[in-house]
Amino acid sequence: PTTVDILVQNLHQSNKVIVDAKTRPKITFFTINKNSNHWLLLVVDNRPRHRHIYFFDPLGQPCPDNLINAIFPAFPGLLFTDTNLKMQYEGFQCGVWTSWIADTIIANGHNSVDNIDWRSKVFLNTEDVCEQDHNSTYIASIRDKYAAFLVLAHRSRTLLIS
C-alpha cells in the first residue's frame, strides 16, 4: 500500500503512475495508508471538463500538509478540494469507507464528482444508534464488492503495490 510519504515522493519524482494520471483524460484513485493504521483516498479527475483533485478522509481530518505541498507542483492547473467529510463513526472501517467513495465515483460514470451527494446523512458521522446500525449493515454489504474489485484490479494489472 502507498503511504503518504511514498505518494509524496512519487509526486516529486513523477513516477509512471503519476505521469499517467497527469497526461491521460481519466480518473485515477490513490488509496493512501497514513501511520500504518488509517486509509485515505486521493482522486485525480483529469478529464478535460473536470480537471479536479479530491481528498477524502473518512474521519474528516484535513489533508496532510506534505501531501498538499506535493500535489500543486505535480498537477498544475487542477483544482484541489479537501472534502472534510466525516463518514466514519468508529475506529476500524476507514478502508471500507474509502472503497465506498471510489465505488460511488465509479458508479457516477462520466458525471462530475461534484454532482455526488456526499452530505447524505446515511454516510455522515452520527451518534444515532439506528443510523449506525444502517451504516454497519451497509459496510458489511460492500465488503464482498471491495474484495472483488481488488481481485479484478490485480488480474488486470492496475493494482499498484508499493
N, C-alpha and C. Protein backbone atom coordinates (compact mmCIF):
# COMPACT_ATOMS: atom_id res chain seq x y z
N PRO A 1 0.82 -1.21 0.00
CA PRO A 1 0.00 0.00 0.00
C PRO A 1 0.85 1.27 0.00
N THR A 2 0.39 2.27 -0.67
CA THR A 2 1.09 3.54 -0.71
C THR A 2 0.85 4.30 0.59
N THR A 3 1.93 4.74 1.20
CA THR A 3 1.79 5.59 2.39
C THR A 3 1.81 7.04 1.93
N VAL A 4 1.48 7.94 2.83
CA VAL A 4 1.52 9.37 2.50
C VAL A 4 2.91 9.74 2.01
N ASP A 5 3.95 9.28 2.72
CA ASP A 5 5.32 9.63 2.34
C ASP A 5 5.70 9.07 0.97
N ILE A 6 5.28 7.83 0.67
CA ILE A 6 5.59 7.24 -0.64
C ILE A 6 4.88 8.02 -1.74
N LEU A 7 3.61 8.38 -1.53
CA LEU A 7 2.89 9.15 -2.54
C LEU A 7 3.54 10.51 -2.75
N VAL A 8 3.92 11.17 -1.68
CA VAL A 8 4.61 12.46 -1.80
C VAL A 8 5.89 12.30 -2.61
N GLN A 9 6.67 11.27 -2.31
CA GLN A 9 7.91 11.01 -3.06
C GLN A 9 7.60 10.75 -4.54
N ASN A 10 6.56 9.96 -4.81
CA ASN A 10 6.18 9.68 -6.20
C ASN A 10 5.73 10.94 -6.92
N LEU A 11 5.03 11.83 -6.22
CA LEU A 11 4.62 13.09 -6.83
C LEU A 11 5.83 13.95 -7.18
N HIS A 12 6.80 13.99 -6.28
CA HIS A 12 8.02 14.78 -6.55
C HIS A 12 8.82 14.20 -7.71
N GLN A 13 8.86 12.89 -7.81
CA GLN A 13 9.68 12.24 -8.84
C GLN A 13 8.91 11.99 -10.14
N SER A 14 7.62 12.24 -10.14
CA SER A 14 6.76 11.97 -11.30
C SER A 14 6.99 10.57 -11.85
N ASN A 15 6.74 9.56 -11.00
CA ASN A 15 6.90 8.19 -11.47
C ASN A 15 5.83 7.87 -12.51
N LYS A 16 5.86 6.66 -13.06
CA LYS A 16 5.00 6.27 -14.17
C LYS A 16 3.51 6.47 -13.86
N VAL A 17 3.07 6.09 -12.68
CA VAL A 17 1.67 6.22 -12.31
C VAL A 17 1.26 7.69 -12.26
N ILE A 18 2.12 8.54 -11.73
CA ILE A 18 1.82 9.98 -11.65
C ILE A 18 1.78 10.58 -13.05
N VAL A 19 2.74 10.23 -13.90
CA VAL A 19 2.75 10.74 -15.28
C VAL A 19 1.48 10.32 -16.00
N ASP A 20 1.05 9.07 -15.79
CA ASP A 20 -0.17 8.57 -16.40
C ASP A 20 -1.38 9.36 -15.91
N ALA A 21 -1.46 9.62 -14.60
CA ALA A 21 -2.57 10.39 -14.05
C ALA A 21 -2.57 11.83 -14.56
N LYS A 22 -1.38 12.37 -14.86
CA LYS A 22 -1.27 13.75 -15.33
C LYS A 22 -1.61 13.88 -16.82
N THR A 23 -1.34 12.86 -17.60
CA THR A 23 -1.42 13.00 -19.04
C THR A 23 -2.63 12.35 -19.68
N ARG A 24 -3.27 11.41 -19.01
CA ARG A 24 -4.41 10.72 -19.61
C ARG A 24 -5.72 11.30 -19.07
N PRO A 25 -6.71 11.49 -19.94
CA PRO A 25 -8.00 12.04 -19.51
C PRO A 25 -8.85 10.97 -18.82
N LYS A 26 -8.62 10.78 -17.53
CA LYS A 26 -9.31 9.74 -16.79
C LYS A 26 -9.34 10.10 -15.31
N ILE A 27 -10.01 9.26 -14.53
CA ILE A 27 -10.00 9.40 -13.08
C ILE A 27 -9.03 8.38 -12.52
N THR A 28 -8.12 8.83 -11.66
CA THR A 28 -7.15 7.95 -11.01
C THR A 28 -7.39 7.99 -9.51
N PHE A 29 -7.41 6.81 -8.90
CA PHE A 29 -7.63 6.68 -7.46
C PHE A 29 -6.33 6.29 -6.78
N PHE A 30 -5.96 7.03 -5.74
CA PHE A 30 -4.79 6.69 -4.93
C PHE A 30 -5.29 6.39 -3.52
N THR A 31 -5.25 5.11 -3.14
CA THR A 31 -5.54 4.78 -1.75
C THR A 31 -4.24 4.96 -0.97
N ILE A 32 -4.34 5.59 0.16
CA ILE A 32 -3.16 6.00 0.91
C ILE A 32 -3.28 5.50 2.34
N ASN A 33 -2.20 4.93 2.84
CA ASN A 33 -2.19 4.50 4.23
C ASN A 33 -1.42 5.53 5.06
N LYS A 34 -2.05 5.99 6.13
CA LYS A 34 -1.45 7.00 6.99
C LYS A 34 -1.14 6.36 8.34
N ASN A 35 0.11 6.48 8.75
CA ASN A 35 0.56 6.00 10.06
C ASN A 35 0.29 4.51 10.29
N SER A 36 0.28 3.73 9.23
CA SER A 36 0.08 2.28 9.29
C SER A 36 -1.25 1.86 9.90
N ASN A 37 -2.21 2.78 10.01
CA ASN A 37 -3.47 2.37 10.61
C ASN A 37 -4.70 3.12 10.10
N HIS A 38 -4.55 3.95 9.07
CA HIS A 38 -5.71 4.71 8.61
C HIS A 38 -5.64 4.88 7.09
N TRP A 39 -6.78 4.66 6.42
CA TRP A 39 -6.84 4.75 4.97
C TRP A 39 -7.49 6.05 4.52
N LEU A 40 -6.91 6.63 3.47
CA LEU A 40 -7.36 7.88 2.87
C LEU A 40 -7.52 7.65 1.37
N LEU A 41 -8.14 8.58 0.68
CA LEU A 41 -8.30 8.45 -0.76
C LEU A 41 -8.04 9.80 -1.42
N LEU A 42 -7.21 9.76 -2.45
CA LEU A 42 -6.95 10.93 -3.29
C LEU A 42 -7.46 10.57 -4.68
N VAL A 43 -8.31 11.43 -5.24
CA VAL A 43 -8.91 11.18 -6.54
C VAL A 43 -8.47 12.28 -7.49
N VAL A 44 -7.82 11.89 -8.58
CA VAL A 44 -7.38 12.84 -9.60
C VAL A 44 -8.30 12.66 -10.80
N ASP A 45 -9.12 13.67 -11.06
CA ASP A 45 -10.02 13.65 -12.21
C ASP A 45 -9.42 14.56 -13.27
N ASN A 46 -8.74 13.94 -14.23
CA ASN A 46 -8.03 14.69 -15.26
C ASN A 46 -8.78 14.68 -16.59
N ARG A 47 -10.08 14.52 -16.53
CA ARG A 47 -10.87 14.58 -17.76
C ARG A 47 -11.01 16.04 -18.17
N PRO A 48 -11.06 16.33 -19.47
CA PRO A 48 -10.99 17.71 -19.96
C PRO A 48 -11.91 18.71 -19.28
N ARG A 49 -13.17 18.40 -19.05
CA ARG A 49 -14.07 19.39 -18.48
C ARG A 49 -14.17 19.28 -16.96
N HIS A 50 -13.32 18.49 -16.33
CA HIS A 50 -13.41 18.29 -14.89
C HIS A 50 -12.16 18.79 -14.17
N ARG A 51 -10.99 18.27 -14.50
CA ARG A 51 -9.67 18.69 -14.01
C ARG A 51 -9.70 19.13 -12.54
N HIS A 52 -9.84 18.16 -11.66
CA HIS A 52 -10.00 18.43 -10.25
C HIS A 52 -9.37 17.30 -9.43
N ILE A 53 -8.86 17.62 -8.26
CA ILE A 53 -8.32 16.63 -7.32
C ILE A 53 -9.14 16.72 -6.05
N TYR A 54 -9.53 15.55 -5.53
CA TYR A 54 -10.33 15.48 -4.32
C TYR A 54 -9.59 14.64 -3.28
N PHE A 55 -9.61 15.11 -2.05
CA PHE A 55 -9.03 14.36 -0.94
C PHE A 55 -10.14 13.95 0.01
N PHE A 56 -10.18 12.66 0.34
CA PHE A 56 -11.19 12.12 1.25
C PHE A 56 -10.51 11.45 2.43
N ASP A 57 -10.91 11.83 3.61
CA ASP A 57 -10.50 11.14 4.84
C ASP A 57 -11.80 10.80 5.56
N PRO A 58 -12.11 9.49 5.73
CA PRO A 58 -13.38 9.12 6.36
C PRO A 58 -13.58 9.69 7.76
N LEU A 59 -12.49 10.06 8.44
CA LEU A 59 -12.61 10.68 9.76
C LEU A 59 -12.77 12.19 9.67
N GLY A 60 -12.72 12.74 8.47
CA GLY A 60 -12.90 14.18 8.28
C GLY A 60 -11.69 15.02 8.62
N GLN A 61 -10.54 14.39 8.76
CA GLN A 61 -9.31 15.13 9.07
C GLN A 61 -8.80 15.82 7.81
N PRO A 62 -8.09 16.93 7.95
CA PRO A 62 -7.59 17.64 6.77
C PRO A 62 -6.47 16.88 6.07
N CYS A 63 -6.30 17.20 4.81
CA CYS A 63 -5.22 16.60 4.01
C CYS A 63 -3.88 16.98 4.64
N PRO A 64 -2.97 16.01 4.78
CA PRO A 64 -1.65 16.32 5.36
C PRO A 64 -0.93 17.40 4.54
N ASP A 65 -0.27 18.31 5.24
CA ASP A 65 0.41 19.43 4.57
C ASP A 65 1.44 18.96 3.55
N ASN A 66 2.21 17.91 3.87
CA ASN A 66 3.23 17.47 2.92
C ASN A 66 2.60 16.94 1.63
N LEU A 67 1.41 16.37 1.72
CA LEU A 67 0.72 15.91 0.52
C LEU A 67 0.19 17.09 -0.29
N ILE A 68 -0.42 18.06 0.37
CA ILE A 68 -0.89 19.26 -0.33
C ILE A 68 0.26 19.96 -1.05
N ASN A 69 1.39 20.09 -0.36
CA ASN A 69 2.55 20.77 -0.94
C ASN A 69 3.13 20.03 -2.14
N ALA A 70 2.92 18.73 -2.21
CA ALA A 70 3.41 17.94 -3.35
C ALA A 70 2.40 17.91 -4.51
N ILE A 71 1.12 18.04 -4.20
CA ILE A 71 0.08 17.95 -5.22
C ILE A 71 0.15 19.12 -6.20
N PHE A 72 0.27 20.34 -5.69
CA PHE A 72 0.19 21.52 -6.56
C PHE A 72 1.26 21.55 -7.65
N PRO A 73 2.54 21.30 -7.34
CA PRO A 73 3.52 21.29 -8.44
C PRO A 73 3.36 20.08 -9.37
N ALA A 74 2.86 18.96 -8.85
CA ALA A 74 2.72 17.76 -9.67
C ALA A 74 1.54 17.88 -10.65
N PHE A 75 0.49 18.59 -10.24
CA PHE A 75 -0.71 18.73 -11.06
C PHE A 75 -1.09 20.20 -11.21
N PRO A 76 -0.25 20.97 -11.91
CA PRO A 76 -0.56 22.39 -12.07
C PRO A 76 -1.85 22.56 -12.88
N GLY A 77 -2.66 23.50 -12.45
CA GLY A 77 -3.90 23.79 -13.17
C GLY A 77 -5.10 22.98 -12.73
N LEU A 78 -4.92 21.95 -11.91
CA LEU A 78 -6.06 21.20 -11.41
C LEU A 78 -6.52 21.82 -10.09
N LEU A 79 -7.81 21.95 -9.94
CA LEU A 79 -8.37 22.46 -8.69
C LEU A 79 -8.21 21.39 -7.62
N PHE A 80 -8.14 21.81 -6.36
CA PHE A 80 -8.00 20.87 -5.26
C PHE A 80 -9.11 21.11 -4.25
N THR A 81 -9.76 20.04 -3.82
CA THR A 81 -10.80 20.13 -2.80
C THR A 81 -10.50 19.11 -1.70
N ASP A 82 -10.37 19.60 -0.50
CA ASP A 82 -10.30 18.74 0.68
C ASP A 82 -11.75 18.64 1.15
N THR A 83 -12.35 17.48 0.99
CA THR A 83 -13.79 17.34 1.21
C THR A 83 -14.22 17.51 2.66
N ASN A 84 -13.32 17.24 3.61
CA ASN A 84 -13.65 17.39 5.04
C ASN A 84 -14.94 16.66 5.42
N LEU A 85 -15.14 15.48 4.86
CA LEU A 85 -16.33 14.69 5.17
C LEU A 85 -16.02 13.68 6.24
N LYS A 86 -16.80 13.68 7.29
CA LYS A 86 -16.63 12.69 8.34
C LYS A 86 -17.73 11.66 8.20
N MET A 87 -17.39 10.50 7.66
CA MET A 87 -18.34 9.42 7.44
C MET A 87 -18.19 8.33 8.49
N GLN A 88 -17.00 8.19 8.99
CA GLN A 88 -16.65 7.09 9.88
C GLN A 88 -16.94 7.46 11.33
N TYR A 89 -17.69 6.62 12.03
CA TYR A 89 -18.04 6.90 13.41
C TYR A 89 -17.32 5.99 14.39
N GLU A 90 -16.53 5.04 13.87
CA GLU A 90 -15.76 4.15 14.73
C GLU A 90 -14.31 4.15 14.24
N GLY A 91 -13.48 3.34 14.82
CA GLY A 91 -12.06 3.43 14.51
C GLY A 91 -11.50 2.32 13.64
N PHE A 92 -12.34 1.60 12.86
CA PHE A 92 -11.79 0.47 12.14
C PHE A 92 -12.35 0.25 10.74
N GLN A 93 -13.18 1.13 10.21
CA GLN A 93 -13.78 0.90 8.90
C GLN A 93 -13.29 1.87 7.82
N CYS A 94 -12.16 2.54 8.05
CA CYS A 94 -11.70 3.56 7.10
C CYS A 94 -11.45 2.98 5.70
N GLY A 95 -10.90 1.78 5.62
CA GLY A 95 -10.65 1.15 4.32
C GLY A 95 -11.93 0.90 3.55
N VAL A 96 -12.95 0.47 4.27
CA VAL A 96 -14.24 0.22 3.63
C VAL A 96 -14.86 1.52 3.15
N TRP A 97 -14.76 2.57 3.97
CA TRP A 97 -15.33 3.86 3.55
C TRP A 97 -14.60 4.43 2.35
N THR A 98 -13.27 4.32 2.30
CA THR A 98 -12.55 4.83 1.11
C THR A 98 -12.95 4.02 -0.12
N SER A 99 -13.19 2.73 0.07
CA SER A 99 -13.65 1.90 -1.05
C SER A 99 -15.05 2.33 -1.49
N TRP A 100 -15.90 2.65 -0.53
CA TRP A 100 -17.25 3.10 -0.86
C TRP A 100 -17.18 4.40 -1.67
N ILE A 101 -16.30 5.30 -1.28
CA ILE A 101 -16.16 6.56 -2.01
C ILE A 101 -15.75 6.28 -3.46
N ALA A 102 -14.73 5.44 -3.65
CA ALA A 102 -14.28 5.11 -5.00
C ALA A 102 -15.40 4.45 -5.79
N ASP A 103 -16.13 3.53 -5.17
CA ASP A 103 -17.23 2.85 -5.84
C ASP A 103 -18.33 3.83 -6.23
N THR A 104 -18.62 4.79 -5.37
CA THR A 104 -19.64 5.80 -5.66
C THR A 104 -19.22 6.66 -6.85
N ILE A 105 -17.95 7.01 -6.91
CA ILE A 105 -17.44 7.80 -8.04
C ILE A 105 -17.52 7.00 -9.33
N ILE A 106 -17.13 5.73 -9.28
CA ILE A 106 -17.20 4.87 -10.47
C ILE A 106 -18.65 4.72 -10.93
N ALA A 107 -19.56 4.52 -9.99
CA ALA A 107 -20.98 4.36 -10.33
C ALA A 107 -21.57 5.64 -10.93
N ASN A 108 -20.97 6.78 -10.60
CA ASN A 108 -21.42 8.06 -11.12
C ASN A 108 -21.07 8.23 -12.59
N GLY A 109 -20.22 7.36 -13.10
CA GLY A 109 -19.89 7.34 -14.52
C GLY A 109 -19.15 8.56 -15.00
N HIS A 110 -19.63 9.13 -16.07
CA HIS A 110 -18.94 10.26 -16.71
C HIS A 110 -19.31 11.60 -16.09
N ASN A 111 -20.14 11.60 -15.07
CA ASN A 111 -20.53 12.85 -14.44
C ASN A 111 -19.42 13.39 -13.56
N SER A 112 -19.59 14.62 -13.14
CA SER A 112 -18.62 15.24 -12.25
C SER A 112 -18.71 14.64 -10.85
N VAL A 113 -17.57 14.51 -10.20
CA VAL A 113 -17.54 14.05 -8.82
C VAL A 113 -18.31 15.03 -7.94
N ASP A 114 -18.32 16.29 -8.31
CA ASP A 114 -19.05 17.31 -7.55
C ASP A 114 -20.56 17.06 -7.52
N ASN A 115 -21.08 16.29 -8.48
CA ASN A 115 -22.53 16.04 -8.53
C ASN A 115 -22.99 14.99 -7.53
N ILE A 116 -22.09 14.32 -6.85
CA ILE A 116 -22.44 13.28 -5.89
C ILE A 116 -22.85 13.92 -4.57
N ASP A 117 -23.92 13.42 -3.98
CA ASP A 117 -24.41 13.97 -2.72
C ASP A 117 -23.63 13.36 -1.56
N TRP A 118 -22.43 13.88 -1.31
CA TRP A 118 -21.58 13.36 -0.24
C TRP A 118 -22.15 13.68 1.13
N ARG A 119 -23.05 14.63 1.21
CA ARG A 119 -23.58 15.05 2.50
C ARG A 119 -24.82 14.26 2.92
N SER A 120 -25.17 13.24 2.16
CA SER A 120 -26.31 12.40 2.53
C SER A 120 -26.11 11.89 3.95
N LYS A 121 -27.12 12.05 4.78
CA LYS A 121 -26.94 11.76 6.21
C LYS A 121 -26.59 10.30 6.48
N VAL A 122 -26.92 9.39 5.57
CA VAL A 122 -26.58 7.98 5.77
C VAL A 122 -25.07 7.79 5.86
N PHE A 123 -24.31 8.62 5.17
CA PHE A 123 -22.87 8.42 5.08
C PHE A 123 -22.06 9.37 5.96
N LEU A 124 -22.73 10.13 6.77
CA LEU A 124 -22.02 11.05 7.64
C LEU A 124 -21.96 10.50 9.07
N ASN A 125 -21.01 11.00 9.82
CA ASN A 125 -20.86 10.60 11.21
C ASN A 125 -22.16 10.88 11.97
N THR A 126 -22.52 9.94 12.81
CA THR A 126 -23.77 10.11 13.55
C THR A 126 -23.67 9.44 14.92
N GLU A 127 -24.37 9.99 15.86
CA GLU A 127 -24.47 9.38 17.18
C GLU A 127 -25.73 8.51 17.27
N ASP A 128 -26.61 8.60 16.28
CA ASP A 128 -27.87 7.89 16.30
C ASP A 128 -27.63 6.38 16.12
N VAL A 129 -28.11 5.57 17.06
CA VAL A 129 -27.87 4.13 17.03
C VAL A 129 -28.50 3.48 15.80
N CYS A 130 -29.69 3.92 15.40
CA CYS A 130 -30.33 3.36 14.20
C CYS A 130 -29.51 3.67 12.95
N GLU A 131 -28.99 4.89 12.86
CA GLU A 131 -28.14 5.25 11.72
C GLU A 131 -26.86 4.41 11.74
N GLN A 132 -26.27 4.23 12.90
CA GLN A 132 -25.05 3.42 12.99
C GLN A 132 -25.32 1.99 12.57
N ASP A 133 -26.47 1.44 12.94
CA ASP A 133 -26.83 0.08 12.55
C ASP A 133 -26.97 0.00 11.03
N HIS A 134 -27.63 1.02 10.44
CA HIS A 134 -27.76 1.06 8.98
C HIS A 134 -26.38 1.13 8.33
N ASN A 135 -25.52 1.99 8.84
CA ASN A 135 -24.17 2.13 8.28
C ASN A 135 -23.41 0.82 8.39
N SER A 136 -23.50 0.13 9.53
CA SER A 136 -22.80 -1.14 9.71
C SER A 136 -23.29 -2.19 8.72
N THR A 137 -24.60 -2.23 8.50
CA THR A 137 -25.17 -3.16 7.52
C THR A 137 -24.67 -2.82 6.13
N TYR A 138 -24.64 -1.54 5.82
CA TYR A 138 -24.16 -1.10 4.50
C TYR A 138 -22.69 -1.48 4.32
N ILE A 139 -21.89 -1.22 5.34
CA ILE A 139 -20.46 -1.55 5.27
C ILE A 139 -20.28 -3.04 5.02
N ALA A 140 -21.01 -3.86 5.74
CA ALA A 140 -20.90 -5.31 5.56
C ALA A 140 -21.27 -5.71 4.14
N SER A 141 -22.25 -5.03 3.56
CA SER A 141 -22.71 -5.38 2.22
C SER A 141 -21.68 -5.04 1.14
N ILE A 142 -20.82 -4.05 1.38
CA ILE A 142 -19.86 -3.70 0.33
C ILE A 142 -18.50 -4.38 0.51
N ARG A 143 -18.30 -5.10 1.58
CA ARG A 143 -17.02 -5.80 1.76
C ARG A 143 -16.74 -6.77 0.63
N ASP A 144 -17.74 -7.56 0.23
CA ASP A 144 -17.55 -8.52 -0.87
C ASP A 144 -17.27 -7.79 -2.17
N LYS A 145 -17.96 -6.70 -2.40
CA LYS A 145 -17.75 -5.92 -3.62
C LYS A 145 -16.32 -5.37 -3.66
N TYR A 146 -15.82 -4.91 -2.52
CA TYR A 146 -14.45 -4.39 -2.43
C TYR A 146 -13.44 -5.49 -2.73
N ALA A 147 -13.65 -6.68 -2.16
CA ALA A 147 -12.73 -7.80 -2.40
C ALA A 147 -12.71 -8.16 -3.89
N ALA A 148 -13.88 -8.18 -4.52
CA ALA A 148 -13.96 -8.48 -5.95
C ALA A 148 -13.24 -7.40 -6.76
N PHE A 149 -13.37 -6.15 -6.35
CA PHE A 149 -12.71 -5.03 -7.03
C PHE A 149 -11.19 -5.20 -6.96
N LEU A 150 -10.65 -5.59 -5.80
CA LEU A 150 -9.22 -5.79 -5.66
C LEU A 150 -8.73 -6.94 -6.52
N VAL A 151 -9.48 -8.03 -6.58
CA VAL A 151 -9.11 -9.18 -7.42
C VAL A 151 -9.09 -8.75 -8.88
N LEU A 152 -10.11 -8.04 -9.32
CA LEU A 152 -10.17 -7.56 -10.70
C LEU A 152 -9.00 -6.64 -11.02
N ALA A 153 -8.70 -5.71 -10.11
CA ALA A 153 -7.58 -4.79 -10.31
C ALA A 153 -6.26 -5.55 -10.38
N HIS A 154 -6.10 -6.56 -9.54
CA HIS A 154 -4.87 -7.37 -9.56
C HIS A 154 -4.75 -8.13 -10.88
N ARG A 155 -5.83 -8.73 -11.32
CA ARG A 155 -5.81 -9.51 -12.58
C ARG A 155 -5.53 -8.61 -13.79
N SER A 156 -6.06 -7.40 -13.76
CA SER A 156 -5.86 -6.51 -14.91
C SER A 156 -4.55 -5.71 -14.80
N ARG A 157 -3.80 -6.01 -13.74
CA ARG A 157 -2.50 -5.38 -13.51
C ARG A 157 -2.60 -3.87 -13.31
N THR A 158 -3.71 -3.42 -12.75
CA THR A 158 -3.87 -1.99 -12.46
C THR A 158 -3.78 -1.74 -10.95
N LEU A 159 -3.53 -2.80 -10.18
CA LEU A 159 -3.37 -2.66 -8.73
C LEU A 159 -1.90 -2.40 -8.47
N LEU A 160 -1.59 -1.19 -8.02
CA LEU A 160 -0.22 -0.81 -7.74
C LEU A 160 0.09 -1.11 -6.28
N ILE A 161 1.10 -1.92 -6.06
CA ILE A 161 1.51 -2.26 -4.71
C ILE A 161 2.90 -1.68 -4.49
N SER A 162 3.03 -0.82 -3.48
CA SER A 162 4.32 -0.19 -3.20
C SER A 162 4.96 -0.83 -2.01
